């Protein structure tokens, strides 16, 4: 996985590709962020949607405190 330096993006005012930006129910932009974690000697990754880098950090902090497994996913139904 390739991770982009967000400080460089903020400095150059570059915008992410459309597939990495969406709008919430109020029309506010959200961005896709990559997360990385280690289990044993292996590195794993996950993704979350957040409003900003700072919001993504807050969400990760909340995950550290309260994340739980809800169950295995078997299917996805488009609305």
PDB file of N, CA and C in Angstrom:
ATOM      1  N   UNK A   1       0.844  -1.166   0.000  1.00  0.00           N
ATOM      2  CA  UNK A   1       0.000   0.000   0.000  1.00  0.00           C
ATOM      3  C   UNK A   1       0.891   1.231   0.000  1.00  0.00           C
ATOM      4  N   UNK A   2       0.535   2.215  -0.777  1.00  0.00           N
ATOM      5  CA  UNK A   2       1.260   3.480  -0.805  1.00  0.00           C
ATOM      6  C   UNK A   2       0.496   4.522  -0.002  1.00  0.00           C
ATOM      7  N   UNK A   3       1.190   5.206   0.857  1.00  0.00           N
ATOM      8  CA  UNK A   3       0.576   6.252   1.673  1.00  0.00           C
ATOM      9  C   UNK A   3       1.150   7.593   1.247  1.00  0.00           C
ATOM     10  N   UNK A   4       0.283   8.562   1.055  1.00  0.00           N
ATOM     11  CA  UNK A   4       0.689   9.897   0.617  1.00  0.00           C
ATOM     12  C   UNK A   4       0.942  10.769   1.840  1.00  0.00           C
ATOM     13  N   UNK A   5       1.955  11.611   1.785  1.00  0.00           N
ATOM     14  CA  UNK A   5       2.238  12.555   2.855  1.00  0.00           C
ATOM     15  C   UNK A   5       1.197  13.672   2.802  1.00  0.00           C
ATOM     16  N   UNK A   6       0.296  13.721   3.790  1.00  0.00           N
ATOM     17  CA  UNK A   6      -0.784  14.692   3.781  1.00  0.00           C
ATOM     18  C   UNK A   6      -0.307  16.125   3.991  1.00  0.00           C
ATOM     19  N   UNK A   7       0.820  16.311   4.661  1.00  0.00           N
ATOM     20  CA  UNK A   7       1.357  17.656   4.825  1.00  0.00           C
ATOM     21  C   UNK A   7       1.704  18.250   3.460  1.00  0.00           C
ATOM     22  N   UNK A   8       2.277  17.441   2.576  1.00  0.00           N
ATOM     23  CA  UNK A   8       2.623  17.918   1.238  1.00  0.00           C
ATOM     24  C   UNK A   8       1.358  18.281   0.472  1.00  0.00           C
ATOM     25  N   UNK A   9       0.328  17.485   0.597  1.00  0.00           N
ATOM     26  CA  UNK A   9      -0.925  17.767  -0.117  1.00  0.00           C
ATOM     27  C   UNK A   9      -1.540  19.058   0.393  1.00  0.00           C
ATOM     28  N   UNK A  10      -1.565  19.237   1.706  1.00  0.00           N
ATOM     29  CA  UNK A  10      -2.148  20.469   2.260  1.00  0.00           C
ATOM     30  C   UNK A  10      -1.374  21.692   1.790  1.00  0.00           C
ATOM     31  N   UNK A  11      -0.041  21.556   1.685  1.00  0.00           N
ATOM     32  CA  UNK A  11       0.781  22.681   1.266  1.00  0.00           C
ATOM     33  C   UNK A  11       0.568  23.053  -0.197  1.00  0.00           C
ATOM     34  N   UNK A  12       0.318  22.060  -1.060  1.00  0.00           N
ATOM     35  CA  UNK A  12       0.192  22.339  -2.490  1.00  0.00           C
ATOM     36  C   UNK A  12      -1.256  22.502  -2.928  1.00  0.00           C
ATOM     37  N   UNK A  13      -2.198  22.334  -2.013  1.00  0.00           N
ATOM     38  CA  UNK A  13      -3.620  22.435  -2.313  1.00  0.00           C
ATOM     39  C   UNK A  13      -4.070  21.395  -3.340  1.00  0.00           C
ATOM     40  N   UNK A  14      -3.339  20.288  -3.448  1.00  0.00           N
ATOM     41  CA  UNK A  14      -3.752  19.175  -4.296  1.00  0.00           C
ATOM     42  C   UNK A  14      -5.017  18.583  -3.722  1.00  0.00           C
ATOM     43  N   UNK A  15      -5.887  18.103  -4.570  1.00  0.00           N
ATOM     44  CA  UNK A  15      -7.117  17.467  -4.123  1.00  0.00           C
ATOM     45  C   UNK A  15      -7.090  15.993  -4.495  1.00  0.00           C
ATOM     46  N   UNK A  16      -7.657  15.125  -3.645  1.00  0.00           N
ATOM     47  CA  UNK A  16      -7.694  13.699  -3.955  1.00  0.00           C
ATOM     48  C   UNK A  16      -8.621  13.425  -5.142  1.00  0.00           C
ATOM     49  N   UNK A  17      -8.411  12.282  -5.797  1.00  0.00           N
ATOM     50  CA  UNK A  17      -9.302  11.856  -6.861  1.00  0.00           C
ATOM     51  C   UNK A  17     -10.709  11.696  -6.306  1.00  0.00           C
ATOM     52  N   UNK A  18     -11.704  11.809  -7.176  1.00  0.00           N
ATOM     53  CA  UNK A  18     -13.119  11.789  -6.777  1.00  0.00           C
ATOM     54  C   UNK A  18     -13.506  10.542  -5.992  1.00  0.00           C
ATOM     55  N   UNK A  19     -12.919   9.406  -6.283  1.00  0.00           N
ATOM     56  CA  UNK A  19     -13.289   8.171  -5.586  1.00  0.00           C
ATOM     57  C   UNK A  19     -12.875   8.173  -4.121  1.00  0.00           C
ATOM     58  N   UNK A  20     -12.039   9.131  -3.727  1.00  0.00           N
ATOM     59  CA  UNK A  20     -11.578   9.219  -2.343  1.00  0.00           C
ATOM     60  C   UNK A  20     -12.220  10.374  -1.580  1.00  0.00           C
ATOM     61  N   UNK A  21     -13.272  10.941  -2.171  1.00  0.00           N
ATOM     62  CA  UNK A  21     -14.016  12.034  -1.540  1.00  0.00           C
ATOM     63  C   UNK A  21     -15.493  11.723  -1.681  1.00  0.00           C
ATOM     64  N   UNK A  22     -16.244  11.947  -0.615  1.00  0.00           N
ATOM     65  CA  UNK A  22     -17.699  11.812  -0.697  1.00  0.00           C
ATOM     66  C   UNK A  22     -18.327  12.871   0.192  1.00  0.00           C
ATOM     67  N   UNK A  23     -19.615  13.039   0.112  1.00  0.00           N
ATOM     68  CA  UNK A  23     -20.337  14.029   0.911  1.00  0.00           C
ATOM     69  C   UNK A  23     -21.158  13.317   1.972  1.00  0.00           C
ATOM     70  N   UNK A  24     -21.195  13.897   3.167  1.00  0.00           N
ATOM     71  CA  UNK A  24     -22.060  13.349   4.208  1.00  0.00           C
ATOM     72  C   UNK A  24     -23.498  13.781   3.948  1.00  0.00           C
ATOM     73  N   UNK A  25     -24.399  13.444   4.852  1.00  0.00           N
ATOM     74  CA  UNK A  25     -25.822  13.762   4.653  1.00  0.00           C
ATOM     75  C   UNK A  25     -26.102  15.260   4.653  1.00  0.00           C
ATOM     76  N   UNK A  26     -25.149  16.069   5.092  1.00  0.00           N
ATOM     77  CA  UNK A  26     -25.305  17.521   5.098  1.00  0.00           C
ATOM     78  C   UNK A  26     -24.526  18.191   3.969  1.00  0.00           C
ATOM     79  N   UNK A  27     -23.932  17.396   3.098  1.00  0.00           N
ATOM     80  CA  UNK A  27     -23.174  17.933   1.976  1.00  0.00           C
ATOM     81  C   UNK A  27     -21.740  18.301   2.290  1.00  0.00           C
ATOM     82  N   UNK A  28     -21.268  17.961   3.481  1.00  0.00           N
ATOM     83  CA  UNK A  28     -19.888  18.266   3.871  1.00  0.00           C
ATOM     84  C   UNK A  28     -18.949  17.174   3.353  1.00  0.00           C
ATOM     85  N   UNK A  29     -17.810  17.579   2.802  1.00  0.00           N
ATOM     86  CA  UNK A  29     -16.860  16.633   2.215  1.00  0.00           C
ATOM     87  C   UNK A  29     -16.208  15.755   3.277  1.00  0.00           C
ATOM     88  N   UNK A  30     -16.084  14.464   2.940  1.00  0.00           N
ATOM     89  CA  UNK A  30     -15.351  13.502   3.762  1.00  0.00           C
ATOM     90  C   UNK A  30     -14.293  12.865   2.868  1.00  0.00           C
ATOM     91  N   UNK A  31     -13.182  12.469   3.473  1.00  0.00           N
ATOM     92  CA  UNK A  31     -12.049  11.946   2.723  1.00  0.00           C
ATOM     93  C   UNK A  31     -11.687  10.568   3.257  1.00  0.00           C
ATOM     94  N   UNK A  32     -11.178   9.716   2.379  1.00  0.00           N
ATOM     95  CA  UNK A  32     -10.784   8.369   2.762  1.00  0.00           C
ATOM     96  C   UNK A  32      -9.346   8.382   3.278  1.00  0.00           C
ATOM     97  N   UNK A  33      -9.144   7.827   4.473  1.00  0.00           N
ATOM     98  CA  UNK A  33      -7.823   7.776   5.097  1.00  0.00           C
ATOM     99  C   UNK A  33      -7.393   6.323   5.278  1.00  0.00           C
ATOM    100  N   UNK A  34      -6.115   6.073   5.105  1.00  0.00           N
ATOM    101  CA  UNK A  34      -5.541   4.747   5.310  1.00  0.00           C
ATOM    102  C   UNK A  34      -5.038   4.623   6.742  1.00  0.00           C
ATOM    103  N   UNK A  35      -5.275   3.472   7.349  1.00  0.00           N
ATOM    104  CA  UNK A  35      -4.776   3.157   8.675  1.00  0.00           C
ATOM    105  C   UNK A  35      -3.848   1.959   8.545  1.00  0.00           C
ATOM    106  N   UNK A  36      -2.875   1.874   9.408  1.00  0.00           N
ATOM    107  CA  UNK A  36      -1.937   0.756   9.371  1.00  0.00           C
ATOM    108  C   UNK A  36      -1.708   0.273  10.790  1.00  0.00           C
ATOM    109  N   UNK A  37      -1.663  -1.047  10.952  1.00  0.00           N
ATOM    110  CA  UNK A  37      -1.397  -1.621  12.274  1.00  0.00           C
ATOM    111  C   UNK A  37      -0.600  -2.907  12.119  1.00  0.00           C
ATOM    112  N   UNK A  38       0.019  -3.304  13.207  1.00  0.00           N
ATOM    113  CA  UNK A  38       0.914  -4.454  13.183  1.00  0.00           C
ATOM    114  C   UNK A  38       0.363  -5.560  14.072  1.00  0.00           C
ATOM    115  N   UNK A  39       0.392  -6.782  13.565  1.00  0.00           N
ATOM    116  CA  UNK A  39       0.070  -7.966  14.350  1.00  0.00           C
ATOM    117  C   UNK A  39       1.254  -8.904  14.192  1.00  0.00           C
ATOM    118  N   UNK A  40       1.958  -9.159  15.271  1.00  0.00           N
ATOM    119  CA  UNK A  40       3.172  -9.967  15.188  1.00  0.00           C
ATOM    120  C   UNK A  40       4.185  -9.273  14.294  1.00  0.00           C
ATOM    121  N   UNK A  41       4.608  -9.963  13.255  1.00  0.00           N
ATOM    122  CA  UNK A  41       5.565  -9.372  12.318  1.00  0.00           C
ATOM    123  C   UNK A  41       4.899  -8.882  11.038  1.00  0.00           C
ATOM    124  N   UNK A  42       3.575  -8.964  10.957  1.00  0.00           N
ATOM    125  CA  UNK A  42       2.844  -8.561   9.746  1.00  0.00           C
ATOM    126  C   UNK A  42       2.208  -7.189   9.905  1.00  0.00           C
ATOM    127  N   UNK A  43       2.221  -6.419   8.819  1.00  0.00           N
ATOM    128  CA  UNK A  43       1.539  -5.121   8.783  1.00  0.00           C
ATOM    129  C   UNK A  43       0.209  -5.299   8.056  1.00  0.00           C
ATOM    130  N   UNK A  44      -0.837  -4.699   8.590  1.00  0.00           N
ATOM    131  CA  UNK A  44      -2.178  -4.770   8.021  1.00  0.00           C
ATOM    132  C   UNK A  44      -2.690  -3.352   7.818  1.00  0.00           C
ATOM    133  N   UNK A  45      -3.756  -3.213   7.047  1.00  0.00           N
ATOM    134  CA  UNK A  45      -4.294  -1.876   6.812  1.00  0.00           C
ATOM    135  C   UNK A  45      -5.813  -1.900   6.848  1.00  0.00           C
ATOM    136  N   UNK A  46      -6.374  -0.741   7.055  1.00  0.00           N
ATOM    137  CA  UNK A  46      -7.820  -0.536   7.050  1.00  0.00           C
ATOM    138  C   UNK A  46      -8.061   0.866   6.507  1.00  0.00           C
ATOM    139  N   UNK A  47      -9.306   1.189   6.250  1.00  0.00           N
ATOM    140  CA  UNK A  47      -9.657   2.515   5.739  1.00  0.00           C
ATOM    141  C   UNK A  47     -10.812   3.080   6.555  1.00  0.00           C
ATOM    142  N   UNK A  48     -10.816   4.399   6.722  1.00  0.00           N
ATOM    143  CA  UNK A  48     -11.942   5.081   7.365  1.00  0.00           C
ATOM    144  C   UNK A  48     -12.230   6.369   6.606  1.00  0.00           C
ATOM    145  N   UNK A  49     -13.458   6.832   6.708  1.00  0.00           N
ATOM    146  CA  UNK A  49     -13.848   8.132   6.158  1.00  0.00           C
ATOM    147  C   UNK A  49     -13.816   9.137   7.299  1.00  0.00           C
ATOM    148  N   UNK A  50     -13.244  10.315   7.037  1.00  0.00           N
ATOM    149  CA  UNK A  50     -13.169  11.375   8.055  1.00  0.00           C
ATOM    150  C   UNK A  50     -13.192  12.731   7.358  1.00  0.00           C
ATOM    151  N   UNK A  51     -13.484  13.765   8.122  1.00  0.00           N
ATOM    152  CA  UNK A  51     -13.584  15.119   7.578  1.00  0.00           C
ATOM    153  C   UNK A  51     -12.228  15.775   7.358  1.00  0.00           C
ATOM    154  N   UNK A  52     -11.227  15.349   8.124  1.00  0.00           N
ATOM    155  CA  UNK A  52      -9.895  15.944   8.034  1.00  0.00           C
ATOM    156  C   UNK A  52      -8.897  14.970   8.660  1.00  0.00           C
ATOM    157  N   UNK A  53      -7.610  15.292   8.533  1.00  0.00           N
ATOM    158  CA  UNK A  53      -6.577  14.466   9.159  1.00  0.00           C
ATOM    159  C   UNK A  53      -6.787  14.433  10.669  1.00  0.00           C
ATOM    160  N   UNK A  54      -7.109  15.580  11.262  1.00  0.00           N
ATOM    161  CA  UNK A  54      -7.329  15.659  12.704  1.00  0.00           C
ATOM    162  C   UNK A  54      -8.538  14.822  13.110  1.00  0.00           C
ATOM    163  N   UNK A  55      -9.611  14.859  12.304  1.00  0.00           N
ATOM    164  CA  UNK A  55     -10.802  14.054  12.573  1.00  0.00           C
ATOM    165  C   UNK A  55     -10.452  12.564  12.482  1.00  0.00           C
ATOM    166  N   UNK A  56      -9.641  12.188  11.511  1.00  0.00           N
ATOM    167  CA  UNK A  56      -9.209  10.793  11.377  1.00  0.00           C
ATOM    168  C   UNK A  56      -8.435  10.357  12.620  1.00  0.00           C
ATOM    169  N   UNK A  57      -7.556  11.217  13.121  1.00  0.00           N
ATOM    170  CA  UNK A  57      -6.813  10.895  14.348  1.00  0.00           C
ATOM    171  C   UNK A  57      -7.748  10.729  15.540  1.00  0.00           C
ATOM    172  N   UNK A  58      -8.787  11.572  15.640  1.00  0.00           N
ATOM    173  CA  UNK A  58      -9.764  11.452  16.728  1.00  0.00           C
ATOM    174  C   UNK A  58     -10.520  10.132  16.630  1.00  0.00           C
ATOM    175  N   UNK A  59     -10.872   9.740  15.403  1.00  0.00           N
ATOM    176  CA  UNK A  59     -11.593   8.477  15.206  1.00  0.00           C
ATOM    177  C   UNK A  59     -10.724   7.289  15.596  1.00  0.00           C
ATOM    178  N   UNK A  60      -9.438   7.336  15.265  1.00  0.00           N
ATOM    179  CA  UNK A  60      -8.521   6.254  15.648  1.00  0.00           C
ATOM    180  C   UNK A  60      -8.401   6.196  17.171  1.00  0.00           C
ATOM    181  N   UNK A  61      -8.328   7.337  17.819  1.00  0.00           N
ATOM    182  CA  UNK A  61      -8.274   7.367  19.290  1.00  0.00           C
ATOM    183  C   UNK A  61      -9.528   6.723  19.876  1.00  0.00           C
ATOM    184  N   UNK A  62     -10.686   7.048  19.316  1.00  0.00           N
ATOM    185  CA  UNK A  62     -11.940   6.446  19.791  1.00  0.00           C
ATOM    186  C   UNK A  62     -11.938   4.937  19.555  1.00  0.00           C
ATOM    187  N   UNK A  63     -11.360   4.509  18.428  1.00  0.00           N
ATOM    188  CA  UNK A  63     -11.277   3.073  18.151  1.00  0.00           C
ATOM    189  C   UNK A  63     -10.416   2.368  19.196  1.00  0.00           C
ATOM    190  N   UNK A  64      -9.301   2.994  19.572  1.00  0.00           N
ATOM    191  CA  UNK A  64      -8.425   2.393  20.592  1.00  0.00           C
ATOM    192  C   UNK A  64      -9.179   2.149  21.893  1.00  0.00           C
ATOM    193  N   UNK A  65     -10.124   3.027  22.189  1.00  0.00           N
ATOM    194  CA  UNK A  65     -10.857   2.946  23.451  1.00  0.00           C
ATOM    195  C   UNK A  65     -12.089   2.058  23.394  1.00  0.00           C
ATOM    196  N   UNK A  66     -12.690   1.894  22.199  1.00  0.00           N
ATOM    197  CA  UNK A  66     -13.990   1.214  22.197  1.00  0.00           C
ATOM    198  C   UNK A  66     -14.252   0.275  21.017  1.00  0.00           C
ATOM    199  N   UNK A  67     -13.287   0.023  20.168  1.00  0.00           N
ATOM    200  CA  UNK A  67     -13.507  -0.821  18.992  1.00  0.00           C
ATOM    201  C   UNK A  67     -13.847  -2.253  19.400  1.00  0.00           C
ATOM    202  N   UNK A  68     -14.821  -2.832  18.713  1.00  0.00           N
ATOM    203  CA  UNK A  68     -15.221  -4.205  18.978  1.00  0.00           C
ATOM    204  C   UNK A  68     -15.635  -4.874  17.673  1.00  0.00           C
ATOM    205  N   UNK A  69     -15.565  -6.177  17.624  1.00  0.00           N
ATOM    206  CA  UNK A  69     -16.001  -6.933  16.450  1.00  0.00           C
ATOM    207  C   UNK A  69     -17.505  -7.163  16.573  1.00  0.00           C
ATOM    208  N   UNK A  70     -18.264  -6.743  15.550  1.00  0.00           N
ATOM    209  CA  UNK A  70     -19.722  -6.911  15.558  1.00  0.00           C
ATOM    210  C   UNK A  70     -20.134  -8.242  14.935  1.00  0.00           C
ATOM    211  N   UNK A  71     -19.346  -8.742  14.021  1.00  0.00           N
ATOM    212  CA  UNK A  71     -19.671 -10.002  13.347  1.00  0.00           C
ATOM    213  C   UNK A  71     -19.058 -10.038  11.969  1.00  0.00           C
ATOM    214  N   UNK A  72     -19.127 -11.195  11.332  1.00  0.00           N
ATOM    215  CA  UNK A  72     -18.586 -11.376   9.987  1.00  0.00           C
ATOM    216  C   UNK A  72     -19.602 -10.919   8.959  1.00  0.00           C
ATOM    217  N   UNK A  73     -19.127 -10.219   7.924  1.00  0.00           N
ATOM    218  CA  UNK A  73     -20.004  -9.770   6.843  1.00  0.00           C
ATOM    219  C   UNK A  73     -20.136 -10.890   5.812  1.00  0.00           C
ATOM    220  N   UNK A  74     -21.356 -11.056   5.289  1.00  0.00           N
ATOM    221  CA  UNK A  74     -21.618 -12.103   4.311  1.00  0.00           C
ATOM    222  C   UNK A  74     -22.126 -11.561   2.994  1.00  0.00           C
ATOM    223  N   UNK A  75     -22.715 -10.377   2.989  1.00  0.00           N
ATOM    224  CA  UNK A  75     -23.270  -9.809   1.760  1.00  0.00           C
ATOM    225  C   UNK A  75     -23.452  -8.318   1.938  1.00  0.00           C
ATOM    226  N   UNK A  76     -23.601  -7.661   0.812  1.00  0.00           N
ATOM    227  CA  UNK A  76     -23.860  -6.226   0.815  1.00  0.00           C
ATOM    228  C   UNK A  76     -25.008  -5.950  -0.149  1.00  0.00           C
ATOM    229  N   UNK A  77     -25.980  -5.184   0.304  1.00  0.00           N
ATOM    230  CA  UNK A  77     -27.135  -4.866  -0.520  1.00  0.00           C
ATOM    231  C   UNK A  77     -27.148  -3.371  -0.763  1.00  0.00           C
ATOM    232  N   UNK A  78     -27.122  -2.991  -2.029  1.00  0.00           N
ATOM    233  CA  UNK A  78     -27.156  -1.564  -2.374  1.00  0.00           C
ATOM    234  C   UNK A  78     -28.541  -0.997  -2.125  1.00  0.00           C
ATOM    235  N   UNK A  79     -28.580   0.207  -1.565  1.00  0.00           N
ATOM    236  CA  UNK A  79     -29.864   0.860  -1.273  1.00  0.00           C
ATOM    237  C   UNK A  79     -30.413   1.511  -2.519  1.00  0.00           C
TER     238      UNK A  79
END
